[in-house]
Protein backbone atom coordinates (compact mmCIF):
# COMPACT_ATOMS: atom_id res chain seq x y z
CA MET A 1 42.98 -53.42 -26.43
CA LYS A 2 42.43 -50.61 -28.96
CA TYR A 3 38.96 -51.99 -29.83
CA ILE A 4 38.06 -52.27 -26.16
CA PHE A 5 39.01 -48.63 -25.59
CA GLN A 6 36.98 -47.49 -28.59
CA SER A 7 34.04 -49.55 -27.39
CA LEU A 8 34.22 -47.91 -23.96
CA LYS A 9 34.31 -44.44 -25.57
CA LEU A 10 31.27 -45.29 -27.70
CA ARG A 11 29.39 -46.60 -24.64
CA LYS A 12 30.14 -43.40 -22.71
CA LEU A 13 29.01 -41.31 -25.64
CA TYR A 14 25.86 -43.39 -25.96
CA ILE A 15 25.13 -42.98 -22.24
CA PHE A 16 25.73 -39.24 -22.49
CA PHE A 17 23.24 -38.81 -25.32
CA LEU A 18 20.77 -41.13 -23.64
CA PHE A 19 20.99 -39.07 -20.46
CA HIS A 20 20.33 -35.83 -22.34
CA ALA A 21 17.45 -37.43 -24.23
CA VAL A 22 15.80 -38.55 -20.99
CA LEU A 23 16.28 -35.08 -19.46
CA ASN A 24 14.79 -33.43 -22.52
CA ILE A 25 11.79 -35.72 -22.43
CA PHE A 26 11.11 -35.25 -18.76
CA PHE A 27 11.81 -31.53 -18.57
CA SER A 28 10.36 -30.46 -21.89
CA THR A 29 6.84 -29.14 -21.57
CA GLY A 30 6.49 -28.41 -25.27
CA ILE A 31 6.65 -32.04 -26.45
CA THR A 32 3.62 -33.51 -24.70
CA HIS A 33 1.56 -30.61 -23.38
CA ALA A 34 -0.25 -27.91 -25.31
CA LYS A 35 -0.68 -24.51 -23.74
CA THR A 36 -4.07 -24.19 -22.07
CA PHE A 37 -6.56 -21.51 -21.17
CA SER A 38 -7.52 -22.07 -17.55
CA ILE A 39 -10.92 -21.07 -16.23
CA ASN A 40 -11.12 -21.46 -12.46
CA ASP A 41 -13.74 -21.39 -9.72
CA ILE A 42 -16.81 -22.22 -11.77
CA GLU A 43 -19.54 -22.50 -9.11
CA LEU A 44 -22.80 -24.43 -9.54
CA SER A 45 -25.56 -25.70 -7.32
CA THR A 46 -28.65 -27.82 -7.71
CA PRO A 47 -31.30 -29.40 -5.46
CA PHE A 48 -30.35 -32.93 -4.32
CA LYS A 49 -33.27 -35.03 -5.54
CA ILE A 50 -33.84 -38.65 -6.49
CA ASN A 51 -32.94 -38.01 -10.14
CA PHE A 52 -29.74 -36.15 -9.18
CA ASP A 53 -27.05 -36.66 -11.83
CA LYS A 54 -23.62 -35.32 -10.99
CA ASN A 55 -22.41 -35.66 -14.60
CA LYS A 56 -25.10 -33.25 -15.78
CA ILE A 57 -23.93 -30.63 -13.30
CA ILE A 58 -20.33 -31.09 -14.45
CA ASP A 59 -21.41 -30.77 -18.08
CA GLU A 60 -23.18 -27.51 -17.18
CA GLY A 61 -19.94 -26.34 -15.60
CA PHE A 62 -18.08 -27.10 -18.85
CA VAL A 63 -20.54 -24.92 -20.79
CA GLN A 64 -20.17 -22.08 -18.25
CA ALA A 65 -16.38 -22.30 -18.40
CA PHE A 66 -16.40 -22.19 -22.19
CA ASN A 67 -18.73 -19.17 -22.18
CA GLN A 68 -16.51 -17.40 -19.65
CA LEU A 69 -13.45 -18.10 -21.82
CA ILE A 70 -15.20 -16.64 -24.87
CA LEU A 71 -16.33 -13.56 -22.92
CA SER A 72 -12.72 -12.87 -21.87
CA THR A 73 -11.04 -13.47 -25.26
CA VAL A 74 -13.61 -12.46 -27.92
CA GLN A 75 -15.08 -9.03 -28.62
CA SER A 76 -18.84 -8.68 -28.10
CA LYS A 77 -19.50 -8.27 -31.84
CA ASP A 78 -18.48 -11.93 -32.36
CA HIS A 79 -20.28 -13.53 -29.41
CA GLN A 80 -23.30 -14.48 -31.50
CA LYS A 81 -21.12 -16.67 -33.76
CA LEU A 82 -20.33 -18.89 -30.78
CA LYS A 83 -23.81 -19.20 -29.25
CA LYS A 84 -24.60 -22.71 -30.44
CA ILE A 85 -21.40 -24.70 -29.88
CA PRO A 86 -22.64 -28.20 -28.87
CA LEU A 87 -21.63 -29.76 -25.60
CA ASN A 88 -19.69 -32.60 -27.25
CA GLN A 89 -17.56 -30.07 -29.10
CA ILE A 90 -16.90 -28.10 -25.96
CA LYS A 91 -15.87 -31.29 -24.14
CA SER A 92 -13.49 -32.16 -26.99
CA MET A 93 -11.63 -28.89 -26.41
CA ILE A 94 -11.07 -29.57 -22.69
CA GLU A 95 -7.52 -30.54 -21.76
CA THR A 96 -8.13 -31.24 -18.06
CA PHE A 97 -10.65 -30.43 -15.37
CA SER A 98 -10.73 -30.84 -11.61
CA ILE A 99 -13.30 -30.59 -8.85
CA LYS A 100 -11.96 -27.97 -6.50
CA GLU A 101 -14.74 -28.26 -3.94
CA GLU A 102 -18.04 -30.08 -3.51
CA LYS A 103 -20.52 -30.26 -0.64
CA PHE A 104 -24.12 -30.93 0.37
CA VAL A 105 -25.90 -28.22 2.34
CA ASN A 106 -29.60 -28.16 3.18
CA GLU A 107 -30.42 -30.68 0.43
CA PHE A 108 -28.47 -28.74 -2.17
CA TYR A 109 -25.39 -29.93 -3.97
CA TYR A 110 -22.59 -27.35 -4.47
CA ILE A 111 -19.58 -27.82 -6.72
CA LYS A 112 -16.63 -25.66 -7.82
CA LEU A 113 -14.69 -26.61 -10.99
CA ASN A 114 -11.44 -25.69 -12.61
CA VAL A 115 -11.39 -26.28 -16.37
CA SER A 116 -8.46 -26.01 -18.82
CA PHE A 117 -9.06 -25.74 -22.56
CA ASN A 118 -6.54 -26.62 -25.26
CA LYS A 119 -5.34 -23.31 -26.66
CA LYS A 120 -4.61 -24.63 -30.16
CA VAL A 121 -8.04 -26.20 -30.50
CA ILE A 122 -9.76 -23.03 -29.24
CA PHE A 123 -7.73 -20.92 -31.72
CA ASP A 124 -8.57 -23.30 -34.57
CA LEU A 125 -12.32 -22.99 -33.76
CA LEU A 126 -12.17 -19.20 -33.71
CA GLU A 127 -10.19 -19.11 -36.94
CA LYS A 128 -12.85 -21.23 -38.68
CA LYS A 129 -15.46 -18.75 -37.42
CA ASN A 130 -13.38 -15.86 -38.81
CA ILE A 131 -12.85 -14.47 -35.29
CA PHE A 132 -9.65 -12.92 -34.08
CA PRO A 133 -9.23 -13.69 -30.38
CA SER A 134 -7.48 -11.41 -27.89
CA LEU A 135 -4.96 -12.09 -25.19
CA PRO A 136 -6.87 -12.42 -21.89
CA VAL A 137 -4.68 -9.84 -20.15
CA LYS A 138 -5.92 -8.48 -16.85
CA LYS A 139 -5.33 -4.78 -16.26
CA ASP A 140 -5.74 -2.47 -13.28
CA ILE A 141 -6.89 1.00 -14.29
CA ILE A 142 -8.03 4.16 -12.52
CA PHE A 143 -11.57 5.04 -13.60
CA ILE A 144 -12.91 8.56 -12.97
CA PRO A 145 -16.53 9.28 -13.96
CA ILE A 146 -17.50 12.94 -13.94
CA ILE A 147 -21.03 14.25 -14.45
CA VAL A 148 -21.21 17.82 -15.73
CA ASP A 149 -24.74 19.28 -15.51
CA GLN A 150 -24.50 22.10 -18.04
CA ASN A 151 -27.95 23.39 -17.15
CA GLU A 152 -27.03 23.81 -13.48
CA ASN A 153 -23.31 24.36 -14.06
CA GLN A 154 -22.59 21.64 -11.51
CA ILE A 155 -20.05 18.82 -11.25
CA LYS A 156 -20.70 15.47 -9.58
CA MET A 157 -17.62 13.36 -9.10
CA PHE A 158 -17.80 11.18 -5.95
CA SER A 159 -20.62 9.94 -3.69
CA ASP A 160 -23.10 12.34 -5.31
CA ASN A 161 -22.35 10.66 -8.68
CA ILE A 162 -24.54 7.61 -9.35
CA ILE A 163 -22.10 6.21 -11.95
CA TYR A 164 -19.34 6.37 -9.34
CA ASN A 165 -21.57 4.67 -6.75
CA GLN A 166 -22.70 1.81 -8.99
CA TRP A 167 -19.73 1.17 -11.19
CA ASN A 168 -18.21 -1.67 -9.20
CA SER A 169 -21.45 -3.04 -7.75
CA ASN A 170 -21.71 -5.96 -10.20
CA THR A 171 -18.32 -7.08 -11.43
CA LYS A 172 -17.99 -10.25 -13.53
CA GLN A 173 -15.31 -12.94 -13.29
CA PHE A 174 -14.60 -12.75 -17.03
CA GLU A 175 -13.91 -9.02 -17.07
CA LEU A 176 -10.32 -8.13 -17.85
CA LEU A 177 -10.33 -4.54 -16.57
CA ASN A 178 -10.18 -4.03 -12.79
CA TYR A 179 -11.43 -0.53 -12.07
CA ILE A 180 -9.89 1.49 -9.25
CA LEU A 181 -12.18 4.35 -8.31
CA PRO A 182 -10.67 7.52 -6.88
CA THR A 183 -11.09 8.30 -3.21
CA GLU A 184 -13.12 11.35 -2.27
CA ASP A 185 -10.66 14.23 -2.36
CA LEU A 186 -11.74 17.88 -2.04
CA GLU A 187 -8.61 19.11 -3.80
CA ASP A 188 -9.40 16.97 -6.84
CA LEU A 189 -12.99 18.15 -6.91
CA ASN A 190 -11.94 21.82 -6.68
CA LEU A 191 -9.38 21.30 -9.46
CA ILE A 192 -12.05 19.88 -11.75
CA LYS A 193 -14.43 22.71 -10.87
CA LYS A 194 -11.83 25.32 -11.74
CA ASN A 195 -11.50 23.71 -15.17
CA ILE A 196 -15.17 23.06 -15.83
CA LYS A 197 -15.09 25.09 -19.06
CA ASN A 198 -12.04 23.28 -20.40
CA LEU A 199 -12.43 19.60 -19.36
CA GLU A 200 -12.04 18.36 -22.91
CA ASN A 201 -8.47 19.64 -22.99
CA PHE A 202 -7.70 19.25 -19.32
CA GLU A 203 -4.86 16.89 -18.41
CA PHE A 204 -5.75 14.72 -15.43
CA LYS A 205 -2.10 13.91 -14.56
CA GLU A 206 -2.27 15.54 -11.10
CA ILE A 207 -5.16 13.30 -10.14
CA VAL A 208 -4.10 10.09 -11.83
CA LYS A 209 -0.48 10.12 -10.55
CA LYS A 210 -1.74 9.75 -6.94
CA TYR A 211 -2.71 6.16 -7.66
CA ASN A 212 0.58 4.98 -9.18
CA LEU A 213 -1.25 3.67 -12.25
CA GLU A 214 -0.30 4.58 -15.81
CA ASN A 215 -3.61 3.34 -17.28
CA TYR A 216 -6.82 5.24 -16.87
CA ILE A 217 -10.24 6.06 -18.26
CA ILE A 218 -11.83 9.43 -17.62
CA SER A 219 -15.55 9.41 -18.57
CA ILE A 220 -17.15 12.85 -18.67
CA PHE A 221 -20.90 13.11 -19.05
CA PHE A 222 -21.96 16.51 -20.41
CA ILE A 223 -25.70 16.77 -19.68
CA ASP A 224 -27.96 19.36 -21.22
CA SER A 225 -31.73 19.51 -21.68
CA ASP A 226 -31.83 17.57 -25.00
CA GLN A 227 -29.05 15.01 -24.84
CA THR A 228 -25.98 13.74 -23.07
CA ARG A 229 -22.54 13.74 -24.61
CA LEU A 230 -20.05 11.24 -23.28
CA LEU A 231 -16.35 11.93 -23.65
CA ASN A 232 -14.02 9.04 -22.80
CA LYS A 233 -10.35 9.83 -22.33
CA ILE A 234 -8.56 6.46 -22.44
CA SER A 235 -4.87 5.83 -21.79
CA PHE A 236 -3.64 2.23 -22.02
CA ASP A 237 0.09 1.51 -22.07
CA ASN A 238 0.85 5.16 -22.94
CA LYS A 239 -1.47 5.05 -25.93
CA LYS A 240 -4.09 7.82 -25.56
CA THR A 241 -7.48 7.85 -27.24
CA LEU A 242 -10.44 10.22 -27.22
CA LYS A 243 -13.92 8.86 -27.87
CA ASN A 244 -16.98 11.10 -28.20
CA ASN A 245 -20.52 9.68 -28.12
CA LEU A 246 -23.94 11.22 -28.16
CA ILE A 247 -26.41 9.21 -26.09
CA LYS A 248 -30.03 9.68 -25.34
CA ASN A 249 -30.71 11.36 -22.06
CA ILE A 250 -30.30 9.01 -19.13
CA ASP A 251 -32.43 9.20 -16.05
CA PHE A 252 -29.66 9.61 -13.48
CA ASN A 253 -32.18 8.93 -10.73
CA ASN A 254 -33.14 5.52 -12.04
CA ASN A 255 -30.91 2.79 -10.58
CA SER A 256 -31.98 0.05 -13.03
CA GLU A 257 -31.40 2.32 -16.02
CA ILE A 258 -27.98 3.28 -14.71
CA ASP A 259 -27.12 -0.39 -14.06
CA LYS A 260 -27.88 -1.28 -17.69
CA PHE A 261 -25.92 1.72 -18.95
CA VAL A 262 -22.92 0.78 -16.78
CA ARG A 263 -22.98 -2.80 -18.11
CA ASN A 264 -23.00 -1.61 -21.71
CA LEU A 265 -20.24 0.91 -21.11
CA LYS A 266 -18.08 -1.75 -19.48
CA VAL A 267 -18.54 -3.95 -22.56
CA THR A 268 -17.33 -1.03 -24.70
CA PHE A 269 -14.20 -0.64 -22.60
CA GLU A 270 -13.57 -4.39 -22.53
CA ASP A 271 -13.84 -4.51 -26.36
CA TYR A 272 -11.40 -1.59 -26.70
CA TRP A 273 -8.86 -3.31 -24.45
CA LYS A 274 -9.29 -6.60 -26.37
CA SER A 275 -8.75 -4.75 -29.64
CA GLN A 276 -5.31 -3.64 -28.27
CA ASN A 277 -4.39 -7.28 -27.61
CA GLU A 278 -5.80 -8.97 -30.69
CA ILE A 279 -4.13 -12.06 -32.07
CA ASN A 280 -4.12 -12.76 -35.81
CA THR A 281 -4.19 -16.55 -35.59
CA SER A 282 -4.09 -16.82 -39.40
CA VAL A 283 -0.46 -15.66 -39.18
CA LYS A 284 1.63 -18.68 -38.21
CA LEU A 285 5.27 -17.68 -38.41
CA PRO A 286 7.76 -20.62 -38.20
CA LEU A 287 10.88 -19.81 -36.22
CA THR A 288 13.92 -21.91 -35.34
CA ILE A 289 15.97 -21.11 -32.26
CA SER A 290 19.01 -22.73 -30.74
CA VAL A 291 19.58 -22.80 -27.00
CA GLU A 292 22.61 -24.07 -25.10
CA ASN A 293 21.50 -27.03 -23.02
CA SER A 294 24.23 -27.23 -20.39
CA ASN A 295 21.88 -25.85 -17.76
CA ILE A 296 18.77 -28.04 -17.62
CA ILE A 297 17.05 -25.73 -15.12
CA LYS A 298 17.38 -22.79 -17.53
CA ILE A 299 15.98 -24.98 -20.33
CA PHE A 300 13.05 -25.84 -18.17
CA GLN A 301 12.45 -22.17 -17.29
CA LEU A 302 12.62 -21.23 -21.00
CA GLU A 303 10.04 -23.84 -21.94
CA GLU A 304 7.80 -22.73 -19.12
CA LYS A 305 8.01 -19.21 -20.50
CA LEU A 306 7.37 -20.33 -24.11
CA SER A 307 4.39 -22.25 -22.86
CA SER A 308 2.97 -19.21 -21.03
CA ILE A 309 3.23 -16.72 -23.93
CA GLU A 310 -0.17 -16.60 -25.65
CA LEU A 311 1.18 -15.51 -29.02
CA ILE A 312 3.17 -18.78 -29.27
CA TYR A 313 0.85 -21.17 -31.01
CA ASP A 314 3.09 -24.23 -30.57
CA PHE A 315 6.68 -25.27 -29.99
CA ASN A 316 8.73 -28.46 -29.78
CA ILE A 317 12.31 -29.70 -29.75
CA HIS A 318 13.32 -30.23 -33.33
CA LYS A 319 16.67 -31.78 -32.53
CA PHE A 320 19.42 -31.71 -29.91
CA ASP A 321 23.04 -32.65 -29.42
CA ASN A 322 25.53 -32.48 -26.53
CA LYS A 323 25.58 -28.66 -26.70
CA ASN A 324 22.29 -27.27 -27.94
CA ASN A 325 18.55 -27.79 -28.14
CA VAL A 326 17.00 -26.60 -31.39
CA TYR A 327 13.38 -25.56 -31.12
CA LYS A 328 10.72 -25.14 -33.79
CA ILE A 329 8.28 -22.40 -32.77
CA ILE A 330 5.00 -21.34 -34.41
CA PHE A 331 4.32 -17.72 -33.57
CA ASN A 332 1.14 -15.66 -34.18
CA GLY A 333 2.88 -12.49 -35.27
CA THR A 334 5.92 -10.96 -36.94
CA PRO A 335 9.59 -11.74 -36.24
CA ASP A 336 9.97 -8.25 -34.70
CA LYS A 337 7.02 -8.91 -32.39
CA PHE A 338 8.57 -12.22 -31.26
CA ILE A 339 11.85 -10.43 -30.47
CA GLU A 340 9.93 -7.76 -28.54
CA VAL A 341 7.88 -10.26 -26.55
CA MET A 342 10.93 -12.34 -25.64
CA LYS A 343 12.99 -9.28 -24.76
CA ASN A 344 10.21 -8.25 -22.39
CA ASN A 345 10.70 -11.63 -20.74
CA ASN A 346 14.49 -11.17 -20.52
CA TYR A 347 15.41 -13.37 -23.48
CA GLU A 348 17.50 -12.03 -26.37
CA PHE A 349 18.67 -13.66 -29.62
CA ASP A 350 21.41 -13.37 -32.24
CA THR A 351 19.29 -13.22 -35.41
CA VAL A 352 22.05 -13.06 -38.05
CA ASN A 353 21.62 -16.63 -39.23
CA LYS A 354 18.55 -18.66 -40.20
CA ILE A 355 18.63 -20.41 -36.83
CA TRP A 356 18.47 -17.77 -34.12
CA VAL A 357 20.79 -18.31 -31.17
CA MET A 358 19.71 -17.35 -27.68
CA LYS A 359 22.28 -15.14 -25.99
């Protein structure tokens, strides 16, 4: 009877561990799926002819998706290093893709693709090219362009300002910065006019605070007869920067010249924002954390969060028992940075021991 009782206890224990193992396998996203970069709504079209080949169109979509990913994660100075990546290599980095929409209209074939790239493989490629990628973080900012004609002692700020008029006329899907232009406000204009002699030191708080955005760029064009000086006042996440540039005189009556200038200036701002979110993929910090596994939903939510954090290179369940899951995490950064990132996502850890315990 004693042996039967022990046998029953062992069977229950076996079933318990088997149950937890199955739950961990089914709920764990870190075991079987790498984090991906998703590029959505790639649109292509081609005439529908006798030699029509759908696969060629899809391949072209893969190339466009890869290029868009690079434009959103790599600074412009490194774009040339990635110009000649062959199609087969691009396809090998794709985790999944789907056809979101396809149709035939007036003898043209239209297709819209969603493409997901394996984050680890992308990071490995960039590391081999000696490129530090950046987190593709979208950001809403207030953008205020001000033209100061020093010869005429005039200020152009709204509809009389060609930079203002053309700034958002040709936005790109890969751009991370979403520019909010100020509405025409006579009080704002008069405030700037009163401070025309002191714009370099002027605080724009009164204007910016109206838009409930902490992030802003103020671009002031000081025009004289010989050259134009551009002063950019940039504030991202409470970090303020001043950038002065001398540029050759621009023809502010030439739309095509202004379009080109706007494109180049946007690239400069995108590069600056990327530099603030750069990832040093050569730093691969191994961390071990322990998490109580009594609540499977919370475990699932944690793994979803780990999977969504770009600085986490990889993670998996190292071991588990009836109380805890122990995770191995590879992090592109310092221990302090990991703690900061997780705290921002409402997760805190007891870091006294080698294995950190989630509170």
